[in-house]
Amino acid sequence: MPEFFKKFLFLTVGLLAGQSAGAQLPDTLYRGRLILKVAPLSAAFDPHQTYQLGVEYFVSQRWSVQQEIGYGRYGLFLHANNGLADRGQQVWRYRAEGRKYRPARSDRLTGQPRAGRPYLAYEFLFKRVHLPQSQSVGRDCDSGMGCAYFEQIDYTNARDAYTLHFKFGKQYIWDRFVLDYYGGIGWRILSIRNLNLPVDAQTNWLRGEERGFWIANIRQPGVYSLPSACLGLKLGILCGKVPRQLRNNAW
């Protein structure tokens, strides 16, 4: 191998190694930091509208965990969605998420942190929706013989969703302001049942069964398995004292 090529290869490898080592920001800048977050799109556009509050905790520079809770009911929001958010509806949400960020890097020339950090995450989402209903139902019904009489009964249509998502996103932090956007795909198990309904009460659709991949009627009782997708945006505030290295810069 020519001597010139050996020197060039040596300098190239040394430069890349030095850049990788020099660009890494100290892990202590991130460990133990908290970010408070809200999800404005969930309160504005989601059919199951909720006000949500989340907390992200950095275990290290590259790893964090996030917990989030949300609640919504008809009448809490600026608009009622005219049929999407049904009257009397109540919604509860819980999210648990583990994230892995790409290593934080600083610009080699300026020494300042680069804008934004991509991440991958696994998310567990639980959502419960209670919707009051009132319907005429058959009582003392006999198979093939009809019902003795019909009665107007109030009950609750309850939907529980258990979802796992694989997510990808990017988070920006300027001084204390946080912008987090993401998308993802996953799988959902949906359990639908009617509460406070007499055992002998029957209607044309109250006695649902498992229908597999697609949901024909999201209020029909049964257990459903279906694909899921998520897309969202969160705004947040970085808590605590901001280190000098991170002030007025995105990281």
Protein backbone atom coordinates (compact mmCIF):
# COMPACT_ATOMS: atom_id res chain seq x y z
CA MET A 1 0.00 0.00 0.00
CA PRO A 2 1.50 3.41 -0.95
CA GLU A 3 2.76 5.48 1.97
CA PHE A 4 0.58 8.45 1.00
CA PHE A 5 -2.57 6.29 1.05
CA LYS A 6 -1.66 4.90 4.48
CA LYS A 7 -1.29 8.43 5.89
CA PHE A 8 -4.58 9.54 4.31
CA LEU A 9 -6.44 6.52 5.73
CA PHE A 10 -4.92 7.08 9.16
CA LEU A 11 -5.89 10.76 9.21
CA THR A 12 -9.42 10.00 7.96
CA VAL A 13 -10.08 7.37 10.63
CA GLY A 14 -8.61 9.62 13.30
CA LEU A 15 -10.76 12.55 12.20
CA LEU A 16 -13.96 10.49 12.23
CA ALA A 17 -13.15 9.04 15.63
CA GLY A 18 -12.36 12.46 17.01
CA GLN A 19 -15.58 13.91 15.60
CA SER A 20 -17.64 11.12 17.11
CA ALA A 21 -16.04 11.51 20.53
CA GLY A 22 -15.93 15.30 20.48
CA ALA A 23 -19.50 15.74 19.38
CA GLN A 24 -21.03 13.68 22.19
CA LEU A 25 -22.66 15.81 24.86
CA PRO A 26 -22.24 14.84 28.55
CA ASP A 27 -24.80 12.34 29.80
CA THR A 28 -25.27 14.33 33.01
CA LEU A 29 -26.97 17.13 31.05
CA TYR A 30 -29.99 14.85 30.53
CA ARG A 31 -30.19 12.36 33.39
CA GLY A 32 -33.09 13.06 35.75
CA ARG A 33 -34.65 15.84 33.68
CA LEU A 34 -38.44 16.21 33.52
CA ILE A 35 -40.64 17.56 30.74
CA LEU A 36 -44.32 18.40 31.28
CA LYS A 37 -46.41 17.95 28.12
CA VAL A 38 -49.90 18.58 26.80
CA ALA A 39 -51.56 17.20 23.65
CA PRO A 40 -53.58 20.00 21.98
CA LEU A 41 -54.76 17.88 19.02
CA SER A 42 -56.52 15.39 21.32
CA ALA A 43 -58.69 18.17 22.72
CA ALA A 44 -59.44 19.68 19.33
CA PHE A 45 -59.82 16.97 16.69
CA ASP A 46 -60.05 13.53 18.31
CA PRO A 47 -63.58 12.00 18.19
CA HIS A 48 -62.93 10.90 21.78
CA GLN A 49 -61.75 14.29 22.97
CA THR A 50 -59.61 14.47 26.12
CA TYR A 51 -57.44 16.92 27.99
CA GLN A 52 -54.11 15.17 28.50
CA LEU A 53 -51.09 15.76 30.73
CA GLY A 54 -47.84 13.84 30.37
CA VAL A 55 -44.45 13.66 32.06
CA GLU A 56 -41.26 12.54 30.34
CA TYR A 57 -38.35 11.47 32.57
CA PHE A 58 -34.83 11.07 31.15
CA VAL A 59 -33.08 8.00 32.53
CA SER A 60 -30.00 8.88 30.49
CA GLN A 61 -29.12 10.91 27.43
CA ARG A 62 -30.61 8.33 25.05
CA TRP A 63 -33.35 6.69 27.16
CA SER A 64 -36.51 8.10 28.69
CA VAL A 65 -39.89 6.96 29.99
CA GLN A 66 -43.15 8.86 29.56
CA GLN A 67 -46.44 8.57 31.44
CA GLU A 68 -49.63 10.31 30.37
CA ILE A 69 -53.21 10.53 31.61
CA GLY A 70 -56.26 12.15 30.04
CA TYR A 71 -59.94 12.76 30.71
CA GLY A 72 -62.78 14.19 28.67
CA ARG A 73 -66.58 14.40 28.74
CA TYR A 74 -69.28 16.06 26.71
CA GLY A 75 -69.51 19.76 27.53
CA LEU A 76 -65.87 20.29 28.53
CA PHE A 77 -64.77 21.40 25.08
CA LEU A 78 -65.28 24.49 22.94
CA HIS A 79 -67.29 22.50 20.38
CA ALA A 80 -69.39 19.35 20.74
CA ASN A 81 -68.39 17.77 17.40
CA ASN A 82 -72.06 17.25 16.44
CA GLY A 83 -72.28 13.49 16.69
CA LEU A 84 -68.57 12.62 17.02
CA ALA A 85 -68.57 13.50 20.69
CA ASP A 86 -71.91 12.10 21.86
CA ARG A 87 -73.91 13.74 24.60
CA GLY A 88 -73.00 12.31 27.99
CA GLN A 89 -69.85 10.63 26.71
CA GLN A 90 -66.90 10.22 29.11
CA VAL A 91 -63.37 9.22 28.08
CA TRP A 92 -60.31 8.12 30.09
CA ARG A 93 -56.83 7.57 28.63
CA TYR A 94 -53.55 6.23 29.95
CA ARG A 95 -50.25 5.97 28.05
CA ALA A 96 -46.93 4.43 29.04
CA GLU A 97 -44.00 4.84 26.68
CA GLY A 98 -40.32 3.93 26.56
CA ARG A 99 -38.09 5.93 24.20
CA LYS A 100 -34.64 5.56 22.71
CA TYR A 101 -33.15 8.72 21.25
CA ARG A 102 -30.31 9.08 18.81
CA PRO A 103 -27.18 10.37 20.57
CA ALA A 104 -27.26 14.12 21.14
CA ARG A 105 -24.68 15.83 18.95
CA SER A 106 -23.13 19.27 18.90
CA ASP A 107 -21.93 21.12 15.85
CA ARG A 108 -18.20 20.60 15.43
CA LEU A 109 -17.56 24.17 14.33
CA THR A 110 -19.76 26.09 16.78
CA GLY A 111 -19.90 23.57 19.64
CA GLN A 112 -23.64 24.18 19.95
CA PRO A 113 -26.20 21.32 20.14
CA ARG A 114 -27.85 20.37 16.85
CA ALA A 115 -31.56 20.96 16.42
CA GLY A 116 -33.90 18.08 17.22
CA ARG A 117 -33.37 14.48 18.25
CA PRO A 118 -35.06 11.59 16.43
CA TYR A 119 -36.34 8.70 18.56
CA LEU A 120 -37.98 5.29 18.43
CA ALA A 121 -40.51 4.20 21.06
CA TYR A 122 -42.85 1.47 22.23
CA GLU A 123 -46.18 2.64 23.61
CA PHE A 124 -48.99 1.00 25.56
CA LEU A 125 -52.31 2.84 25.37
CA PHE A 126 -55.46 2.15 27.37
CA LYS A 127 -58.64 4.05 26.52
CA ARG A 128 -62.07 3.70 28.12
CA VAL A 129 -65.20 5.30 26.64
CA HIS A 130 -68.57 5.32 28.43
CA LEU A 131 -71.57 6.43 26.40
CA PRO A 132 -75.06 6.64 28.01
CA GLN A 133 -77.77 5.05 25.88
CA SER A 134 -81.54 4.76 26.02
CA GLN A 135 -83.41 2.20 23.94
CA SER A 136 -86.54 0.13 23.80
CA VAL A 137 -85.59 -3.46 24.67
CA GLY A 138 -87.48 -6.72 24.77
CA ARG A 139 -88.23 -8.36 28.13
CA ASP A 140 -89.09 -11.99 28.96
CA CYS A 141 -88.10 -12.99 25.42
CA ASP A 142 -88.33 -16.57 24.21
CA SER A 143 -86.26 -17.83 21.30
CA GLY A 144 -88.45 -17.84 18.19
CA MET A 145 -91.54 -16.75 20.13
CA GLY A 146 -90.87 -13.04 20.54
CA CYS A 147 -90.91 -10.96 23.71
CA ALA A 148 -93.64 -10.54 26.32
CA TYR A 149 -93.30 -6.75 26.30
CA PHE A 150 -90.89 -3.89 25.50
CA GLU A 151 -89.48 -1.36 27.91
CA GLN A 152 -87.41 1.83 27.57
CA ILE A 153 -84.17 1.21 29.47
CA ASP A 154 -81.18 3.45 30.18
CA TYR A 155 -77.77 1.74 30.08
CA THR A 156 -74.10 2.49 29.31
CA ASN A 157 -72.22 1.37 26.23
CA ALA A 158 -68.64 0.77 27.45
CA ARG A 159 -65.59 0.44 25.19
CA ASP A 160 -62.11 -0.51 26.44
CA ALA A 161 -59.17 -0.39 24.03
CA TYR A 162 -55.76 -1.99 24.69
CA THR A 163 -53.16 -0.91 22.13
CA LEU A 164 -49.45 -1.41 21.46
CA HIS A 165 -47.73 1.03 19.09
CA PHE A 166 -44.26 1.18 17.58
CA LYS A 167 -43.56 4.90 17.16
CA PHE A 168 -41.02 7.11 15.46
CA GLY A 169 -40.71 10.84 16.03
CA LYS A 170 -38.52 13.85 16.66
CA GLN A 171 -38.32 16.17 19.64
CA TYR A 172 -37.03 19.74 19.73
CA ILE A 173 -36.15 21.68 22.86
CA TRP A 174 -35.37 25.39 22.73
CA ASP A 175 -34.29 26.61 26.15
CA ARG A 176 -37.46 25.40 27.97
CA PHE A 177 -40.01 25.08 25.15
CA VAL A 178 -40.58 21.55 23.81
CA LEU A 179 -42.06 20.42 20.49
CA ASP A 180 -42.62 16.68 20.01
CA TYR A 181 -44.23 15.10 16.94
CA TYR A 182 -44.58 11.42 16.05
CA GLY A 183 -46.32 8.71 14.07
CA GLY A 184 -46.64 4.98 14.53
CA ILE A 185 -48.38 1.71 13.81
CA GLY A 186 -49.54 -1.12 16.02
CA TRP A 187 -52.32 -3.47 17.05
CA ARG A 188 -55.46 -2.93 19.10
CA ILE A 189 -57.80 -5.15 21.11
CA LEU A 190 -61.21 -3.55 21.58
CA SER A 191 -63.71 -4.85 24.12
CA ILE A 192 -67.27 -3.51 23.91
CA ARG A 193 -70.03 -4.32 26.41
CA ASN A 194 -73.24 -2.87 27.78
CA LEU A 195 -73.48 -2.00 31.48
CA ASN A 196 -76.60 -1.83 33.65
CA LEU A 197 -78.60 -3.83 31.14
CA PRO A 198 -80.96 -6.57 32.41
CA VAL A 199 -79.85 -10.07 31.45
CA ASP A 200 -83.10 -10.83 29.61
CA ALA A 201 -83.15 -7.55 27.67
CA GLN A 202 -82.67 -7.99 23.93
CA THR A 203 -82.52 -5.78 20.85
CA ASN A 204 -81.45 -6.35 17.29
CA TRP A 205 -77.83 -5.39 17.98
CA LEU A 206 -77.13 -5.63 21.69
CA ARG A 207 -76.06 -9.29 21.51
CA GLY A 208 -72.84 -8.88 19.52
CA GLU A 209 -70.16 -11.45 18.86
CA GLU A 210 -66.49 -11.38 17.85
CA ARG A 211 -66.25 -10.16 14.27
CA GLY A 212 -62.47 -10.44 13.77
CA PHE A 213 -60.48 -7.99 11.67
CA TRP A 214 -62.93 -5.17 10.96
CA ILE A 215 -65.54 -3.45 13.14
CA ALA A 216 -69.01 -3.32 11.56
CA ASN A 217 -70.48 -1.23 14.38
CA ILE A 218 -68.23 0.24 17.07
CA ARG A 219 -71.09 0.14 19.59
CA GLN A 220 -71.91 -3.52 19.05
CA PRO A 221 -70.78 -5.64 22.02
CA GLY A 222 -67.94 -8.05 21.38
CA VAL A 223 -64.17 -8.39 21.28
CA TYR A 224 -62.38 -7.05 18.21
CA SER A 225 -58.80 -7.26 17.00
CA LEU A 226 -57.62 -4.73 14.44
CA PRO A 227 -54.61 -2.72 13.25
CA SER A 228 -53.99 0.71 14.69
CA ALA A 229 -52.13 3.86 13.69
CA CYS A 230 -51.22 7.01 15.61
CA LEU A 231 -50.15 10.51 14.65
CA GLY A 232 -49.68 13.31 17.12
CA LEU A 233 -48.03 16.44 18.39
CA LYS A 234 -47.23 17.52 21.94
CA LEU A 235 -46.08 20.78 23.45
CA GLY A 236 -44.11 20.93 26.68
CA ILE A 237 -41.97 22.76 29.19
CA LEU A 238 -38.56 21.58 30.43
CA CYS A 239 -38.53 21.64 34.24
CA GLY A 240 -35.68 22.60 36.52
CA LYS A 241 -32.54 24.61 35.90
CA VAL A 242 -31.35 24.56 32.29
CA PRO A 243 -27.58 23.92 31.96
CA ARG A 244 -25.52 26.67 30.33
CA GLN A 245 -24.62 24.34 27.43
CA LEU A 246 -28.29 23.93 26.51
CA ARG A 247 -29.59 27.47 26.94
CA ASN A 248 -31.00 29.17 23.85
CA ASN A 249 -30.20 26.15 21.73
CA ALA A 250 -32.17 23.19 20.39
CA TRP A 251 -31.12 19.74 21.62
